[in-house]
PDB file of all heavy atoms in Angstrom:
ATOM      1  N   LEU A   1       6.186 209.646 111.252  1.00  0.00           N
ATOM      2  CA  LEU A   1       6.684 209.148 112.558  1.00  0.00           C
ATOM      3  C   LEU A   1       5.649 208.520 113.324  1.00  0.00           C
ATOM      4  O   LEU A   1       4.566 209.106 113.667  1.00  0.00           O
ATOM      5  CB  LEU A   1       7.301 210.523 113.330  1.00  0.00           C
ATOM      6  CG  LEU A   1       7.951 210.235 114.642  1.00  0.00           C
ATOM      7  CD1 LEU A   1       9.115 209.224 114.510  1.00  0.00           C
ATOM      8  CD2 LEU A   1       8.334 211.489 115.392  1.00  0.00           C
ATOM      9  N   ILE A   2       5.972 207.273 113.677  1.00  0.00           N
ATOM     10  CA  ILE A   2       5.034 206.459 114.505  1.00  0.00           C
ATOM     11  C   ILE A   2       5.490 206.454 115.918  1.00  0.00           C
ATOM     12  O   ILE A   2       6.663 206.233 116.239  1.00  0.00           O
ATOM     13  CB  ILE A   2       5.003 205.098 114.020  1.00  0.00           C
ATOM     14  CG1 ILE A   2       4.762 204.900 112.534  1.00  0.00           C
ATOM     15  CG2 ILE A   2       4.022 204.272 114.805  1.00  0.00           C
ATOM     16  CD1 ILE A   2       3.504 205.556 112.062  1.00  0.00           C
ATOM     17  N   ARG A   3       4.511 206.958 116.795  1.00  0.00           N
ATOM     18  CA  ARG A   3       4.758 206.961 118.201  1.00  0.00           C
ATOM     19  C   ARG A   3       3.550 206.439 118.962  1.00  0.00           C
ATOM     20  O   ARG A   3       2.402 206.647 118.389  1.00  0.00           O
ATOM     21  CB  ARG A   3       4.960 208.417 118.739  1.00  0.00           C
ATOM     22  CG  ARG A   3       6.262 209.022 118.355  1.00  0.00           C
ATOM     23  CD  ARG A   3       6.446 210.443 118.900  1.00  0.00           C
ATOM     24  NE  ARG A   3       7.774 210.881 118.564  1.00  0.00           N
ATOM     25  CZ  ARG A   3       8.007 212.248 118.526  1.00  0.00           C
ATOM     26  NH1 ARG A   3       7.034 213.070 118.973  1.00  0.00           N
ATOM     27  NH2 ARG A   3       9.220 212.659 118.253  1.00  0.00           N
ATOM     28  N   PHE A   4       3.620 205.934 120.020  1.00  0.00           N
ATOM     29  CA  PHE A   4       2.575 205.495 120.744  1.00  0.00           C
ATOM     30  C   PHE A   4       2.276 206.291 121.989  1.00  0.00           C
ATOM     31  O   PHE A   4       3.282 206.758 122.701  1.00  0.00           O
ATOM     32  CB  PHE A   4       2.874 203.916 121.317  1.00  0.00           C
ATOM     33  CG  PHE A   4       2.869 203.003 120.064  1.00  0.00           C
ATOM     34  CD1 PHE A   4       4.231 202.573 119.717  1.00  0.00           C
ATOM     35  CD2 PHE A   4       1.747 202.562 119.385  1.00  0.00           C
ATOM     36  CE1 PHE A   4       4.287 201.669 118.696  1.00  0.00           C
ATOM     37  CE2 PHE A   4       1.947 201.742 118.361  1.00  0.00           C
ATOM     38  CZ  PHE A   4       3.244 201.274 117.861  1.00  0.00           C
ATOM     39  N   ALA A   5       0.997 206.423 122.201  1.00  0.00           N
ATOM     40  CA  ALA A   5       0.571 207.421 123.416  1.00  0.00           C
ATOM     41  C   ALA A   5       1.054 206.857 124.843  1.00  0.00           C
ATOM     42  O   ALA A   5       1.309 205.648 124.848  1.00  0.00           O
ATOM     43  CB  ALA A   5      -0.881 207.648 123.487  1.00  0.00           C
ATOM     44  N   GLU A   6       1.262 207.660 125.721  1.00  0.00           N
ATOM     45  CA  GLU A   6       1.573 207.311 127.100  1.00  0.00           C
ATOM     46  C   GLU A   6       0.395 206.320 127.568  1.00  0.00           C
ATOM     47  O   GLU A   6      -0.656 206.531 127.405  1.00  0.00           O
ATOM     48  CB  GLU A   6       1.553 208.502 127.998  1.00  0.00           C
ATOM     49  CG  GLU A   6       2.197 208.236 129.291  1.00  0.00           C
ATOM     50  CD  GLU A   6       2.537 209.627 130.085  1.00  0.00           C
ATOM     51  OE1 GLU A   6       2.888 210.562 129.489  1.00  0.00           O
ATOM     52  OE2 GLU A   6       2.375 209.536 131.328  1.00  0.00           O
ATOM     53  N   GLY A   7       0.809 205.293 128.181  1.00  0.00           N
ATOM     54  CA  GLY A   7      -0.062 204.337 128.663  1.00  0.00           C
ATOM     55  C   GLY A   7      -0.179 203.133 127.723  1.00  0.00           C
ATOM     56  O   GLY A   7      -0.737 202.150 128.035  1.00  0.00           O
ATOM     57  N   HIS A   8       0.230 203.361 126.388  1.00  0.00           N
ATOM     58  CA  HIS A   8       0.174 202.288 125.431  1.00  0.00           C
ATOM     59  C   HIS A   8       1.147 201.227 125.800  1.00  0.00           C
ATOM     60  O   HIS A   8       2.275 201.569 126.337  1.00  0.00           O
ATOM     61  CB  HIS A   8       0.339 202.784 124.029  1.00  0.00           C
ATOM     62  CG  HIS A   8       0.184 201.835 122.882  1.00  0.00           C
ATOM     63  ND1 HIS A   8       0.978 200.890 122.580  1.00  0.00           N
ATOM     64  CD2 HIS A   8      -0.919 201.724 122.075  1.00  0.00           C
ATOM     65  CE1 HIS A   8       0.521 200.172 121.595  1.00  0.00           C
ATOM     66  NE2 HIS A   8      -0.656 200.559 121.286  1.00  0.00           N
ATOM     67  N   GLU A   9       0.850 200.020 125.529  1.00  0.00           N
ATOM     68  CA  GLU A   9       1.922 198.887 125.807  1.00  0.00           C
ATOM     69  C   GLU A   9       3.327 199.185 125.270  1.00  0.00           C
ATOM     70  O   GLU A   9       4.256 198.833 125.753  1.00  0.00           O
ATOM     71  CB  GLU A   9       1.227 197.698 125.110  1.00  0.00           C
ATOM     72  CG  GLU A   9       2.167 196.398 125.218  1.00  0.00           C
ATOM     73  CD  GLU A   9       1.593 195.262 124.586  1.00  0.00           C
ATOM     74  OE1 GLU A   9       0.519 195.371 123.821  1.00  0.00           O
ATOM     75  OE2 GLU A   9       2.087 194.162 124.645  1.00  0.00           O
ATOM     76  N   PHE A  10       3.360 199.860 124.047  1.00  0.00           N
ATOM     77  CA  PHE A  10       4.557 200.132 123.402  1.00  0.00           C
ATOM     78  C   PHE A  10       5.039 201.544 123.386  1.00  0.00           C
ATOM     79  O   PHE A  10       5.808 201.967 122.606  1.00  0.00           O
ATOM     80  CB  PHE A  10       4.492 199.580 121.938  1.00  0.00           C
ATOM     81  CG  PHE A  10       4.227 198.037 121.805  1.00  0.00           C
ATOM     82  CD1 PHE A  10       3.151 197.672 121.190  1.00  0.00           C
ATOM     83  CD2 PHE A  10       5.019 197.097 122.398  1.00  0.00           C
ATOM     84  CE1 PHE A  10       2.869 196.281 121.055  1.00  0.00           C
ATOM     85  CE2 PHE A  10       4.830 195.824 122.378  1.00  0.00           C
ATOM     86  CZ  PHE A  10       3.611 195.327 121.662  1.00  0.00           C
ATOM     87  N   HIS A  11       4.534 202.293 124.409  1.00  0.00           N
ATOM     88  CA  HIS A  11       4.874 203.629 124.576  1.00  0.00           C
ATOM     89  C   HIS A  11       6.385 203.782 124.630  1.00  0.00           C
ATOM     90  O   HIS A  11       7.063 202.842 125.446  1.00  0.00           O
ATOM     91  CB  HIS A  11       4.323 204.148 125.859  1.00  0.00           C
ATOM     92  CG  HIS A  11       4.778 205.694 126.032  1.00  0.00           C
ATOM     93  ND1 HIS A  11       4.392 206.773 125.265  1.00  0.00           N
ATOM     94  CD2 HIS A  11       5.523 206.173 127.081  1.00  0.00           C
ATOM     95  CE1 HIS A  11       4.940 207.886 125.706  1.00  0.00           C
ATOM     96  NE2 HIS A  11       5.765 207.506 126.853  1.00  0.00           N
ATOM     97  N   GLY A  12       7.041 204.702 123.941  1.00  0.00           N
ATOM     98  CA  GLY A  12       8.491 204.765 123.787  1.00  0.00           C
ATOM     99  C   GLY A  12       9.077 204.213 122.580  1.00  0.00           C
ATOM    100  O   GLY A  12      10.199 204.787 122.124  1.00  0.00           O
ATOM    101  N   ALA A  13       8.474 203.260 121.870  1.00  0.00           N
ATOM    102  CA  ALA A  13       8.888 202.791 120.577  1.00  0.00           C
ATOM    103  C   ALA A  13       8.565 203.781 119.672  1.00  0.00           C
ATOM    104  O   ALA A  13       7.516 204.408 119.651  1.00  0.00           O
ATOM    105  CB  ALA A  13       8.326 201.426 120.315  1.00  0.00           C
ATOM    106  N   GLU A  14       9.528 204.032 118.715  1.00  0.00           N
ATOM    107  CA  GLU A  14       9.299 205.053 117.618  1.00  0.00           C
ATOM    108  C   GLU A  14       9.862 204.412 116.335  1.00  0.00           C
ATOM    109  O   GLU A  14      10.719 203.704 116.240  1.00  0.00           O
ATOM    110  CB  GLU A  14      10.037 206.353 117.773  1.00  0.00           C
ATOM    111  CG  GLU A  14       9.519 207.120 118.972  1.00  0.00           C
ATOM    112  CD  GLU A  14      10.141 208.407 119.110  1.00  0.00           C
ATOM    113  OE1 GLU A  14      11.154 208.791 118.233  1.00  0.00           O
ATOM    114  OE2 GLU A  14       9.862 209.178 120.137  1.00  0.00           O
ATOM    115  N   ALA A  15       9.232 204.726 115.192  1.00  0.00           N
ATOM    116  CA  ALA A  15       9.596 204.321 113.761  1.00  0.00           C
ATOM    117  C   ALA A  15       9.417 205.327 112.879  1.00  0.00           C
ATOM    118  O   ALA A  15       8.299 206.084 113.053  1.00  0.00           O
ATOM    119  CB  ALA A  15       8.931 202.990 113.373  1.00  0.00           C
ATOM    120  N   ARG A  16      10.203 205.521 111.954  1.00  0.00           N
ATOM    121  CA  ARG A  16       9.897 206.455 110.812  1.00  0.00           C
ATOM    122  C   ARG A  16       9.848 205.694 109.632  1.00  0.00           C
ATOM    123  O   ARG A  16      10.571 204.824 109.234  1.00  0.00           O
ATOM    124  CB  ARG A  16      11.087 207.459 110.724  1.00  0.00           C
ATOM    125  CG  ARG A  16      10.816 208.582 109.644  1.00  0.00           C
ATOM    126  CD  ARG A  16      11.671 209.798 109.670  1.00  0.00           C
ATOM    127  NE  ARG A  16      11.495 210.574 110.912  1.00  0.00           N
ATOM    128  CZ  ARG A  16      10.577 211.455 111.181  1.00  0.00           C
ATOM    129  NH1 ARG A  16       9.625 211.679 110.304  1.00  0.00           N
ATOM    130  NH2 ARG A  16      10.553 212.163 112.274  1.00  0.00           N
ATOM    131  N   LEU A  17       8.703 205.951 108.716  1.00  0.00           N
ATOM    132  CA  LEU A  17       8.571 205.151 107.504  1.00  0.00           C
ATOM    133  C   LEU A  17       8.145 206.216 106.340  1.00  0.00           C
ATOM    134  O   LEU A  17       7.659 207.246 106.579  1.00  0.00           O
ATOM    135  CB  LEU A  17       7.361 204.289 107.652  1.00  0.00           C
ATOM    136  CG  LEU A  17       7.623 203.110 108.661  1.00  0.00           C
ATOM    137  CD1 LEU A  17       6.764 203.333 109.976  1.00  0.00           C
ATOM    138  CD2 LEU A  17       7.267 201.822 107.976  1.00  0.00           C
ATOM    139  N   ARG A  18       8.581 205.769 105.115  1.00  0.00           N
ATOM    140  CA  ARG A  18       8.189 206.447 103.965  1.00  0.00           C
ATOM    141  C   ARG A  18       6.743 206.281 103.657  1.00  0.00           C
ATOM    142  O   ARG A  18       6.189 205.157 103.979  1.00  0.00           O
ATOM    143  CB  ARG A  18       8.918 206.042 102.803  1.00  0.00           C
ATOM    144  CG  ARG A  18      10.329 206.506 102.643  1.00  0.00           C
ATOM    145  CD  ARG A  18      11.051 205.943 101.290  1.00  0.00           C
ATOM    146  NE  ARG A  18      10.976 204.503 101.134  1.00  0.00           N
ATOM    147  CZ  ARG A  18      10.284 203.806 100.345  1.00  0.00           C
ATOM    148  NH1 ARG A  18       9.358 204.420  99.575  1.00  0.00           N
ATOM    149  NH2 ARG A  18      10.309 202.523 100.244  1.00  0.00           N
ATOM    150  N   GLY A  19       6.082 207.197 103.111  1.00  0.00           N
ATOM    151  CA  GLY A  19       4.743 206.944 102.523  1.00  0.00           C
ATOM    152  C   GLY A  19       4.701 206.023 101.381  1.00  0.00           C
ATOM    153  O   GLY A  19       5.779 205.735 100.869  1.00  0.00           O
ATOM    154  N   MET A  20       3.488 205.809 100.880  1.00  0.00           N
ATOM    155  CA  MET A  20       3.396 205.013  99.688  1.00  0.00           C
ATOM    156  C   MET A  20       3.030 205.973  98.551  1.00  0.00           C
ATOM    157  O   MET A  20       2.412 206.952  98.617  1.00  0.00           O
ATOM    158  CB  MET A  20       2.127 204.032  99.837  1.00  0.00           C
ATOM    159  CG  MET A  20       2.409 202.917 100.847  1.00  0.00           C
ATOM    160  SD  MET A  20       0.930 201.801 100.688  1.00  0.00           S
ATOM    161  CE  MET A  20       1.107 200.832 102.130  1.00  0.00           C
ATOM    162  N   ASN A  21       3.571 205.608  97.328  1.00  0.00           N
ATOM    163  CA  ASN A  21       3.102 206.313  96.223  1.00  0.00           C
ATOM    164  C   ASN A  21       1.713 205.750  95.721  1.00  0.00           C
ATOM    165  O   ASN A  21       1.275 204.699  96.344  1.00  0.00           O
ATOM    166  CB  ASN A  21       4.102 206.310  95.033  1.00  0.00           C
ATOM    167  CG  ASN A  21       4.241 204.852  94.492  1.00  0.00           C
ATOM    168  OD1 ASN A  21       3.358 203.966  94.375  1.00  0.00           O
ATOM    169  ND2 ASN A  21       5.565 204.537  94.214  1.00  0.00           N
ATOM    170  N   LEU A  22       1.003 206.295  94.868  1.00  0.00           N
ATOM    171  CA  LEU A  22      -0.283 205.780  94.551  1.00  0.00           C
ATOM    172  C   LEU A  22      -0.418 204.460  94.000  1.00  0.00           C
ATOM    173  O   LEU A  22      -1.301 203.661  94.340  1.00  0.00           O
ATOM    174  CB  LEU A  22      -0.950 206.854  93.367  1.00  0.00           C
ATOM    175  CG  LEU A  22      -2.373 206.512  93.064  1.00  0.00           C
ATOM    176  CD1 LEU A  22      -3.262 206.646  94.247  1.00  0.00           C
ATOM    177  CD2 LEU A  22      -2.857 207.382  92.039  1.00  0.00           C
ATOM    178  N   GLY A  23       0.647 204.109  93.269  1.00  0.00           N
ATOM    179  CA  GLY A  23       0.670 202.792  92.757  1.00  0.00           C
ATOM    180  C   GLY A  23       0.878 201.698  93.842  1.00  0.00           C
ATOM    181  O   GLY A  23       0.090 200.703  93.853  1.00  0.00           O
ATOM    182  N   GLU A  24       1.575 202.004  94.743  1.00  0.00           N
ATOM    183  CA  GLU A  24       1.771 201.061  95.953  1.00  0.00           C
ATOM    184  C   GLU A  24       0.452 200.913  96.768  1.00  0.00           C
ATOM    185  O   GLU A  24       0.050 200.016  97.336  1.00  0.00           O
ATOM    186  CB  GLU A  24       2.992 201.571  96.929  1.00  0.00           C
ATOM    187  CG  GLU A  24       4.251 201.459  96.321  1.00  0.00           C
ATOM    188  CD  GLU A  24       5.405 202.153  97.028  1.00  0.00           C
ATOM    189  OE1 GLU A  24       5.106 203.252  97.638  1.00  0.00           O
ATOM    190  OE2 GLU A  24       6.496 201.626  97.173  1.00  0.00           O
ATOM    191  N   TYR A  25      -0.206 202.091  96.995  1.00  0.00           N
ATOM    192  CA  TYR A  25      -1.372 202.186  97.697  1.00  0.00           C
ATOM    193  C   TYR A  25      -2.498 201.456  97.099  1.00  0.00           C
ATOM    194  O   TYR A  25      -3.237 200.594  97.739  1.00  0.00           O
ATOM    195  CB  TYR A  25      -1.796 203.661  97.916  1.00  0.00           C
ATOM    196  CG  TYR A  25      -3.122 203.819  98.627  1.00  0.00           C
ATOM    197  CD1 TYR A  25      -3.215 203.752 100.082  1.00  0.00           C
ATOM    198  CD2 TYR A  25      -4.251 204.024  97.964  1.00  0.00           C
ATOM    199  CE1 TYR A  25      -4.297 203.853 100.726  1.00  0.00           C
ATOM    200  CE2 TYR A  25      -5.520 204.097  98.656  1.00  0.00           C
ATOM    201  CZ  TYR A  25      -5.428 204.116 100.098  1.00  0.00           C
ATOM    202  OH  TYR A  25      -6.712 204.234 100.727  1.00  0.00           O
ATOM    203  N   MET A  26      -2.568 201.627  95.804  1.00  0.00           N
ATOM    204  CA  MET A  26      -3.570 200.846  95.026  1.00  0.00           C
ATOM    205  C   MET A  26      -3.293 199.336  95.172  1.00  0.00           C
ATOM    206  O   MET A  26      -4.296 198.490  95.181  1.00  0.00           O
ATOM    207  CB  MET A  26      -3.612 201.326  93.568  1.00  0.00           C
ATOM    208  CG  MET A  26      -4.279 202.776  93.452  1.00  0.00           C
ATOM    209  SD  MET A  26      -4.361 203.261  91.876  1.00  0.00           S
ATOM    210  CE  MET A  26      -5.703 202.295  91.218  1.00  0.00           C
ATOM    211  N   GLU A  27      -2.090 198.906  95.035  1.00  0.00           N
ATOM    212  CA  GLU A  27      -1.731 197.474  95.134  1.00  0.00           C
ATOM    213  C   GLU A  27      -1.949 196.987  96.548  1.00  0.00           C
ATOM    214  O   GLU A  27      -2.518 195.862  96.666  1.00  0.00           O
ATOM    215  CB  GLU A  27      -0.216 197.343  94.785  1.00  0.00           C
ATOM    216  CG  GLU A  27       0.244 195.844  94.805  1.00  0.00           C
ATOM    217  CD  GLU A  27       1.676 195.733  94.578  1.00  0.00           C
ATOM    218  OE1 GLU A  27       2.243 196.461  93.592  1.00  0.00           O
ATOM    219  OE2 GLU A  27       2.316 194.998  95.146  1.00  0.00           O
ATOM    220  N   ALA A  28      -1.601 197.723  97.473  1.00  0.00           N
ATOM    221  CA  ALA A  28      -1.922 197.297  98.859  1.00  0.00           C
ATOM    222  C   ALA A  28      -3.293 197.176  99.330  1.00  0.00           C
ATOM    223  O   ALA A  28      -3.715 196.248  99.960  1.00  0.00           O
ATOM    224  CB  ALA A  28      -1.206 198.261  99.908  1.00  0.00           C
ATOM    225  N   THR A  29      -4.059 198.015  98.697  1.00  0.00           N
ATOM    226  CA  THR A  29      -5.606 198.064  98.956  1.00  0.00           C
ATOM    227  C   THR A  29      -6.338 197.218  98.162  1.00  0.00           C
ATOM    228  O   THR A  29      -7.577 196.890  98.225  1.00  0.00           O
ATOM    229  CB  THR A  29      -6.108 199.419  99.092  1.00  0.00           C
ATOM    230  OG1 THR A  29      -6.011 200.045  97.792  1.00  0.00           O
ATOM    231  CG2 THR A  29      -5.525 200.307 100.057  1.00  0.00           C
ATOM    232  N   GLY A  30      -5.720 196.636  96.954  1.00  0.00           N
ATOM    233  CA  GLY A  30      -6.499 195.901  96.074  1.00  0.00           C
ATOM    234  C   GLY A  30      -7.235 196.686  95.037  1.00  0.00           C
ATOM    235  O   GLY A  30      -8.040 196.078  94.186  1.00  0.00           O
ATOM    236  N   GLN A  31      -7.003 198.021  95.003  1.00  0.00           N
ATOM    237  CA  GLN A  31      -7.658 198.836  93.952  1.00  0.00           C
ATOM    238  C   GLN A  31      -7.091 198.750  92.622  1.00  0.00           C
ATOM    239  O   GLN A  31      -7.593 199.303  91.716  1.00  0.00           O
ATOM    240  CB  GLN A  31      -7.690 200.324  94.387  1.00  0.00           C
ATOM    241  CG  GLN A  31      -8.429 200.495  95.773  1.00  0.00           C
ATOM    242  CD  GLN A  31      -8.491 201.929  96.257  1.00  0.00           C
ATOM    243  OE1 GLN A  31      -8.400 202.850  95.423  1.00  0.00           O
ATOM    244  NE2 GLN A  31      -8.489 202.097  97.525  1.00  0.00           N
TER     245      GLN A  31
END
């Protein structure tokens, strides 16, 4: 769950995202 702290430009915006599996992580990082 992504939330921004009070005082942040986008405070109040929220998003929920799935994590990455190891293969996705290695691809995203170039590993």
